Amino acid sequence: MTSLLAEAIAVTFDNLTMTVSVFEYVEEATEDSNLSPEARQRLGLVHTALAMAIQAMEHDELRQLIKQSQSY
């Protein structure tokens, strides 16, 4: 069960990291677009939530699980 949890956490962390990278690129690309202020605000909220999720994953015990999953 621990290996399944470790794998799920590792995959989630990788996906969050990749999504933030894509989001940063998209935000730069849409700076000149005609998105409404509300849409821009909502995208900012999503970006903030992703950053918070990544920060939460940087707990020592969770990092150990991520490292453990890399050994499987």
C-alpha atoms as a PDB file:
ATOM      1  CA  MET A   1       0.000   0.000   0.000  1.00  0.00           C
ATOM      2  CA  THR A   2       2.874   2.373   0.779  1.00  0.00           C
ATOM      3  CA  SER A   3       4.349   1.857  -2.682  1.00  0.00           C
ATOM      4  CA  LEU A   4       1.005   2.749  -4.279  1.00  0.00           C
ATOM      5  CA  LEU A   5       0.792   5.914  -2.163  1.00  0.00           C
ATOM      6  CA  ALA A   6       4.401   6.786  -2.976  1.00  0.00           C
ATOM      7  CA  GLU A   7       3.758   6.370  -6.691  1.00  0.00           C
ATOM      8  CA  ALA A   8       0.565   8.446  -6.550  1.00  0.00           C
ATOM      9  CA  ILE A   9       2.334  11.251  -4.701  1.00  0.00           C
ATOM     10  CA  ALA A  10       5.280  11.199  -7.102  1.00  0.00           C
ATOM     11  CA  VAL A  11       3.043  11.303 -10.176  1.00  0.00           C
ATOM     12  CA  THR A  12       0.950  14.087  -8.655  1.00  0.00           C
ATOM     13  CA  PHE A  13       4.040  16.133  -7.837  1.00  0.00           C
ATOM     14  CA  ASP A  14       5.399  15.684 -11.367  1.00  0.00           C
ATOM     15  CA  ASN A  15       2.043  16.671 -12.881  1.00  0.00           C
ATOM     16  CA  LEU A  16       1.763  19.757 -10.672  1.00  0.00           C
ATOM     17  CA  THR A  17       5.276  20.847 -11.589  1.00  0.00           C
ATOM     18  CA  MET A  18       4.640  20.340 -15.297  1.00  0.00           C
ATOM     19  CA  THR A  19       1.303  22.164 -15.090  1.00  0.00           C
ATOM     20  CA  VAL A  20       2.907  25.188 -13.431  1.00  0.00           C
ATOM     21  CA  SER A  21       5.497  25.332 -16.215  1.00  0.00           C
ATOM     22  CA  VAL A  22       2.809  25.176 -18.884  1.00  0.00           C
ATOM     23  CA  PHE A  23       0.700  27.728 -17.031  1.00  0.00           C
ATOM     24  CA  GLU A  24       3.568  30.200 -16.839  1.00  0.00           C
ATOM     25  CA  TYR A  25       4.110  29.881 -20.579  1.00  0.00           C
ATOM     26  CA  VAL A  26       0.390  30.318 -21.295  1.00  0.00           C
ATOM     27  CA  GLU A  27       0.167  33.351 -19.017  1.00  0.00           C
ATOM     28  CA  GLU A  28       3.014  35.004 -20.909  1.00  0.00           C
ATOM     29  CA  ALA A  29       1.469  34.112 -24.247  1.00  0.00           C
ATOM     30  CA  THR A  30      -1.938  35.506 -23.281  1.00  0.00           C
ATOM     31  CA  GLU A  31      -0.715  38.825 -21.874  1.00  0.00           C
ATOM     32  CA  ASP A  32      -1.744  40.512 -25.114  1.00  0.00           C
ATOM     33  CA  SER A  33      -4.998  38.593 -25.487  1.00  0.00           C
ATOM     34  CA  ASN A  34      -8.408  40.011 -24.890  1.00  0.00           C
ATOM     35  CA  LEU A  35      -9.228  37.991 -21.776  1.00  0.00           C
ATOM     36  CA  SER A  36     -11.537  39.762 -19.395  1.00  0.00           C
ATOM     37  CA  PRO A  37     -10.148  40.979 -16.089  1.00  0.00           C
ATOM     38  CA  GLU A  38     -12.203  38.303 -14.316  1.00  0.00           C
ATOM     39  CA  ALA A  39     -10.721  35.538 -16.498  1.00  0.00           C
ATOM     40  CA  ARG A  40      -7.216  36.848 -15.803  1.00  0.00           C
ATOM     41  CA  GLN A  41      -7.979  36.932 -12.072  1.00  0.00           C
ATOM     42  CA  ARG A  42      -9.230  33.352 -12.172  1.00  0.00           C
ATOM     43  CA  LEU A  43      -6.118  32.196 -14.016  1.00  0.00           C
ATOM     44  CA  GLY A  44      -4.089  33.903 -11.320  1.00  0.00           C
ATOM     45  CA  LEU A  45      -6.018  31.983  -8.674  1.00  0.00           C
ATOM     46  CA  VAL A  46      -5.329  28.705 -10.449  1.00  0.00           C
ATOM     47  CA  HIS A  47      -1.627  29.530 -10.639  1.00  0.00           C
ATOM     48  CA  THR A  48      -1.599  30.397  -6.921  1.00  0.00           C
ATOM     49  CA  ALA A  49      -3.385  27.159  -6.036  1.00  0.00           C
ATOM     50  CA  LEU A  50      -0.881  25.132  -8.047  1.00  0.00           C
ATOM     51  CA  ALA A  51       2.010  26.850  -6.278  1.00  0.00           C
ATOM     52  CA  MET A  52       0.405  26.133  -2.912  1.00  0.00           C
ATOM     53  CA  ALA A  53      -0.104  22.472  -3.827  1.00  0.00           C
ATOM     54  CA  ILE A  54       3.556  22.124  -4.802  1.00  0.00           C
ATOM     55  CA  GLN A  55       4.627  23.828  -1.578  1.00  0.00           C
ATOM     56  CA  ALA A  56       2.473  21.391   0.408  1.00  0.00           C
ATOM     57  CA  MET A  57       4.185  18.467  -1.314  1.00  0.00           C
ATOM     58  CA  GLU A  58       7.569  19.710  -0.085  1.00  0.00           C
ATOM     59  CA  HIS A  59       7.087  18.175   3.349  1.00  0.00           C
ATOM     60  CA  ASP A  60       9.970  15.892   4.440  1.00  0.00           C
ATOM     61  CA  GLU A  61       7.802  12.789   4.804  1.00  0.00           C
ATOM     62  CA  LEU A  62       6.170  13.309   1.415  1.00  0.00           C
ATOM     63  CA  ARG A  63       9.557  13.953  -0.217  1.00  0.00           C
ATOM     64  CA  GLN A  64      10.739  10.621   1.195  1.00  0.00           C
ATOM     65  CA  LEU A  65       7.751   8.896  -0.396  1.00  0.00           C
ATOM     66  CA  ILE A  66       8.560  10.560  -3.718  1.00  0.00           C
ATOM     67  CA  LYS A  67      12.165   9.371  -3.482  1.00  0.00           C
ATOM     68  CA  GLN A  68      10.932   5.905  -2.519  1.00  0.00           C
ATOM     69  CA  SER A  69       8.736   5.720  -5.609  1.00  0.00           C
ATOM     70  CA  GLN A  70      11.710   6.490  -7.829  1.00  0.00           C
ATOM     71  CA  SER A  71      13.367   3.282  -6.615  1.00  0.00           C
ATOM     72  CA  TYR A  72      10.502   1.047  -7.819  1.00  0.00           C
END
